[in-house]
Amino acid sequence: MFKIKGIYWIGFAFTIIWFAGLLFKLLHLQGAGLMMIVGSGALLLVFVPLYIVLHRKHLARLDIATKVKWSLGLLSMSLLVAAITMQMMHLMGTALVWIWISTISVVQNVERIPK
């Protein structure tokens, strides 16, 4: 149980660093870019893989449709963090990432469309 709570605290800490970087960027303070890169990079490269590793037993018992939903959800969350960071830092290619996110969201919610 401690492992799972520890992973959530790690994710929370990286999210706070990322949001602080966003706030610094909005206020034009120094260090915003570094905090955004460290926070989003660690969130995507540390928290998401650890989350998957710790929940692999639970994910193994799910049917294929639910696995695809989990995969698309984690992918869209990762792309969303990357797109917001890229947008705030005025990097090229942000529009393409937003298109990917919207496409994944539509694919993920296809079954919810009324017939």
C-alpha atoms as a PDB file:
ATOM      1  CA  MET A   1       0.000   0.000   0.000  1.00  0.00           C
ATOM      2  CA  PHE A   2       2.893   2.351   0.747  1.00  0.00           C
ATOM      3  CA  LYS A   3       4.225   1.915  -2.795  1.00  0.00           C
ATOM      4  CA  ILE A   4       0.967   3.053  -4.332  1.00  0.00           C
ATOM      5  CA  LYS A   5       0.612   6.053  -1.997  1.00  0.00           C
ATOM      6  CA  GLY A   6       4.262   6.944  -2.618  1.00  0.00           C
ATOM      7  CA  ILE A   7       3.723   6.902  -6.366  1.00  0.00           C
ATOM      8  CA  TYR A   8       0.691   9.172  -6.028  1.00  0.00           C
ATOM      9  CA  TRP A   9       2.724  11.591  -3.884  1.00  0.00           C
ATOM     10  CA  ILE A  10       5.484  11.591  -6.504  1.00  0.00           C
ATOM     11  CA  GLY A  11       2.925  12.367  -9.210  1.00  0.00           C
ATOM     12  CA  PHE A  12       1.421  15.092  -7.035  1.00  0.00           C
ATOM     13  CA  ALA A  13       4.842  16.687  -6.447  1.00  0.00           C
ATOM     14  CA  PHE A  14       5.689  16.698 -10.164  1.00  0.00           C
ATOM     15  CA  THR A  15       2.265  18.154 -10.954  1.00  0.00           C
ATOM     16  CA  ILE A  16       2.824  20.959  -8.429  1.00  0.00           C
ATOM     17  CA  ILE A  17       6.209  21.725 -10.011  1.00  0.00           C
ATOM     18  CA  TRP A  18       4.597  21.791 -13.450  1.00  0.00           C
ATOM     19  CA  PHE A  19       1.742  24.071 -12.313  1.00  0.00           C
ATOM     20  CA  ALA A  20       4.214  26.353 -10.548  1.00  0.00           C
ATOM     21  CA  GLY A  21       6.117  26.607 -13.832  1.00  0.00           C
ATOM     22  CA  LEU A  22       2.881  27.505 -15.630  1.00  0.00           C
ATOM     23  CA  LEU A  23       2.141  30.165 -13.030  1.00  0.00           C
ATOM     24  CA  PHE A  24       5.683  31.540 -13.282  1.00  0.00           C
ATOM     25  CA  LYS A  25       5.317  31.643 -17.073  1.00  0.00           C
ATOM     26  CA  LEU A  26       2.037  33.558 -16.825  1.00  0.00           C
ATOM     27  CA  LEU A  27       3.677  36.038 -14.432  1.00  0.00           C
ATOM     28  CA  HIS A  28       6.840  36.282 -16.595  1.00  0.00           C
ATOM     29  CA  LEU A  29       9.114  35.191 -13.766  1.00  0.00           C
ATOM     30  CA  GLN A  30      12.499  33.576 -14.225  1.00  0.00           C
ATOM     31  CA  GLY A  31      12.821  29.813 -13.986  1.00  0.00           C
ATOM     32  CA  ALA A  32       9.440  29.096 -15.544  1.00  0.00           C
ATOM     33  CA  GLY A  33      10.790  27.127 -18.493  1.00  0.00           C
ATOM     34  CA  LEU A  34      12.979  24.933 -16.317  1.00  0.00           C
ATOM     35  CA  MET A  35      10.146  24.168 -13.895  1.00  0.00           C
ATOM     36  CA  MET A  36       7.774  23.361 -16.746  1.00  0.00           C
ATOM     37  CA  ILE A  37      10.265  21.039 -18.435  1.00  0.00           C
ATOM     38  CA  VAL A  38      11.265  19.295 -15.192  1.00  0.00           C
ATOM     39  CA  GLY A  39       7.668  18.966 -13.967  1.00  0.00           C
ATOM     40  CA  SER A  40       6.140  17.738 -17.214  1.00  0.00           C
ATOM     41  CA  GLY A  41       9.116  15.579 -18.129  1.00  0.00           C
ATOM     42  CA  ALA A  42       9.188  13.866 -14.754  1.00  0.00           C
ATOM     43  CA  LEU A  43       5.416  13.471 -14.774  1.00  0.00           C
ATOM     44  CA  LEU A  44       5.503  11.786 -18.167  1.00  0.00           C
ATOM     45  CA  LEU A  45       8.755   9.840 -17.810  1.00  0.00           C
ATOM     46  CA  VAL A  46       8.576   8.853 -14.122  1.00  0.00           C
ATOM     47  CA  PHE A  47       4.985   8.889 -12.847  1.00  0.00           C
ATOM     48  CA  VAL A  48       3.146   7.359 -15.819  1.00  0.00           C
ATOM     49  CA  PRO A  49       5.519   4.359 -16.219  1.00  0.00           C
ATOM     50  CA  LEU A  50       5.535   3.740 -12.449  1.00  0.00           C
ATOM     51  CA  TYR A  51       1.737   3.915 -12.409  1.00  0.00           C
ATOM     52  CA  ILE A  52       1.562   1.337 -15.194  1.00  0.00           C
ATOM     53  CA  VAL A  53       4.072  -0.965 -13.490  1.00  0.00           C
ATOM     54  CA  LEU A  54       2.283  -0.833 -10.133  1.00  0.00           C
ATOM     55  CA  HIS A  55      -1.128  -1.446 -11.691  1.00  0.00           C
ATOM     56  CA  ARG A  56      -0.079  -4.144 -14.181  1.00  0.00           C
ATOM     57  CA  LYS A  57      -1.785  -6.916 -12.200  1.00  0.00           C
ATOM     58  CA  HIS A  58      -5.057  -5.025 -12.202  1.00  0.00           C
ATOM     59  CA  LEU A  59      -4.700  -4.127 -15.882  1.00  0.00           C
ATOM     60  CA  ALA A  60      -3.922  -7.750 -16.811  1.00  0.00           C
ATOM     61  CA  ARG A  61      -7.348  -8.896 -15.553  1.00  0.00           C
ATOM     62  CA  LEU A  62      -9.267  -6.410 -17.708  1.00  0.00           C
ATOM     63  CA  ASP A  63     -10.817  -7.224 -21.069  1.00  0.00           C
ATOM     64  CA  ILE A  64      -9.226  -5.858 -24.237  1.00  0.00           C
ATOM     65  CA  ALA A  65     -11.695  -2.970 -24.651  1.00  0.00           C
ATOM     66  CA  THR A  66     -10.963  -1.675 -21.158  1.00  0.00           C
ATOM     67  CA  LYS A  67      -7.211  -2.044 -21.742  1.00  0.00           C
ATOM     68  CA  VAL A  68      -7.531   0.047 -24.892  1.00  0.00           C
ATOM     69  CA  LYS A  69      -9.488   2.698 -22.963  1.00  0.00           C
ATOM     70  CA  TRP A  70      -6.798   2.812 -20.245  1.00  0.00           C
ATOM     71  CA  SER A  71      -4.050   3.039 -22.860  1.00  0.00           C
ATOM     72  CA  LEU A  72      -5.803   5.805 -24.769  1.00  0.00           C
ATOM     73  CA  GLY A  73      -6.544   7.646 -21.525  1.00  0.00           C
ATOM     74  CA  LEU A  74      -2.907   7.595 -20.411  1.00  0.00           C
ATOM     75  CA  LEU A  75      -1.765   8.574 -23.904  1.00  0.00           C
ATOM     76  CA  SER A  76      -4.197  11.488 -24.105  1.00  0.00           C
ATOM     77  CA  MET A  77      -3.189  12.672 -20.605  1.00  0.00           C
ATOM     78  CA  SER A  78       0.469  12.550 -21.586  1.00  0.00           C
ATOM     79  CA  LEU A  79      -0.170  14.416 -24.824  1.00  0.00           C
ATOM     80  CA  LEU A  80      -2.263  17.003 -22.990  1.00  0.00           C
ATOM     81  CA  VAL A  81       0.562  17.762 -20.550  1.00  0.00           C
ATOM     82  CA  ALA A  82       3.020  17.945 -23.452  1.00  0.00           C
ATOM     83  CA  ALA A  83       0.725  20.191 -25.508  1.00  0.00           C
ATOM     84  CA  ILE A  84       0.106  22.645 -22.672  1.00  0.00           C
ATOM     85  CA  THR A  85       3.833  22.826 -21.956  1.00  0.00           C
ATOM     86  CA  MET A  86       4.635  23.326 -25.637  1.00  0.00           C
ATOM     87  CA  GLN A  87       1.927  25.985 -25.997  1.00  0.00           C
ATOM     88  CA  MET A  88       3.119  27.944 -22.966  1.00  0.00           C
ATOM     89  CA  MET A  89       6.734  27.824 -24.181  1.00  0.00           C
ATOM     90  CA  HIS A  90       5.722  28.875 -27.736  1.00  0.00           C
ATOM     91  CA  LEU A  91       7.245  25.780 -29.341  1.00  0.00           C
ATOM     92  CA  MET A  92       6.458  24.646 -32.864  1.00  0.00           C
ATOM     93  CA  GLY A  93       4.273  21.595 -33.447  1.00  0.00           C
ATOM     94  CA  THR A  94       1.735  22.357 -30.748  1.00  0.00           C
ATOM     95  CA  ALA A  95      -1.173  22.387 -33.210  1.00  0.00           C
ATOM     96  CA  LEU A  96      -0.304  18.859 -34.317  1.00  0.00           C
ATOM     97  CA  VAL A  97      -0.311  17.617 -30.717  1.00  0.00           C
ATOM     98  CA  TRP A  98      -3.723  19.257 -30.125  1.00  0.00           C
ATOM     99  CA  ILE A  99      -5.040  17.452 -33.226  1.00  0.00           C
ATOM    100  CA  TRP A 100      -3.728  14.129 -31.871  1.00  0.00           C
ATOM    101  CA  ILE A 101      -5.410  14.763 -28.522  1.00  0.00           C
ATOM    102  CA  SER A 102      -8.761  15.552 -30.126  1.00  0.00           C
ATOM    103  CA  THR A 103      -8.520  12.481 -32.371  1.00  0.00           C
ATOM    104  CA  ILE A 104      -7.737  10.211 -29.430  1.00  0.00           C
ATOM    105  CA  SER A 105     -10.601  11.729 -27.447  1.00  0.00           C
ATOM    106  CA  VAL A 106     -13.048  11.080 -30.278  1.00  0.00           C
ATOM    107  CA  VAL A 107     -11.828   7.493 -30.701  1.00  0.00           C
ATOM    108  CA  GLN A 108     -12.010   6.910 -26.967  1.00  0.00           C
ATOM    109  CA  ASN A 109     -15.618   8.132 -26.752  1.00  0.00           C
ATOM    110  CA  VAL A 110     -17.028   6.521 -29.919  1.00  0.00           C
ATOM    111  CA  GLU A 111     -19.179   4.057 -27.993  1.00  0.00           C
ATOM    112  CA  ARG A 112     -20.835   6.875 -26.028  1.00  0.00           C
ATOM    113  CA  ILE A 113     -22.295   8.453 -29.166  1.00  0.00           C
ATOM    114  CA  PRO A 114     -26.052   7.757 -29.247  1.00  0.00           C
ATOM    115  CA  LYS A 115     -27.241   5.665 -32.182  1.00  0.00           C
END
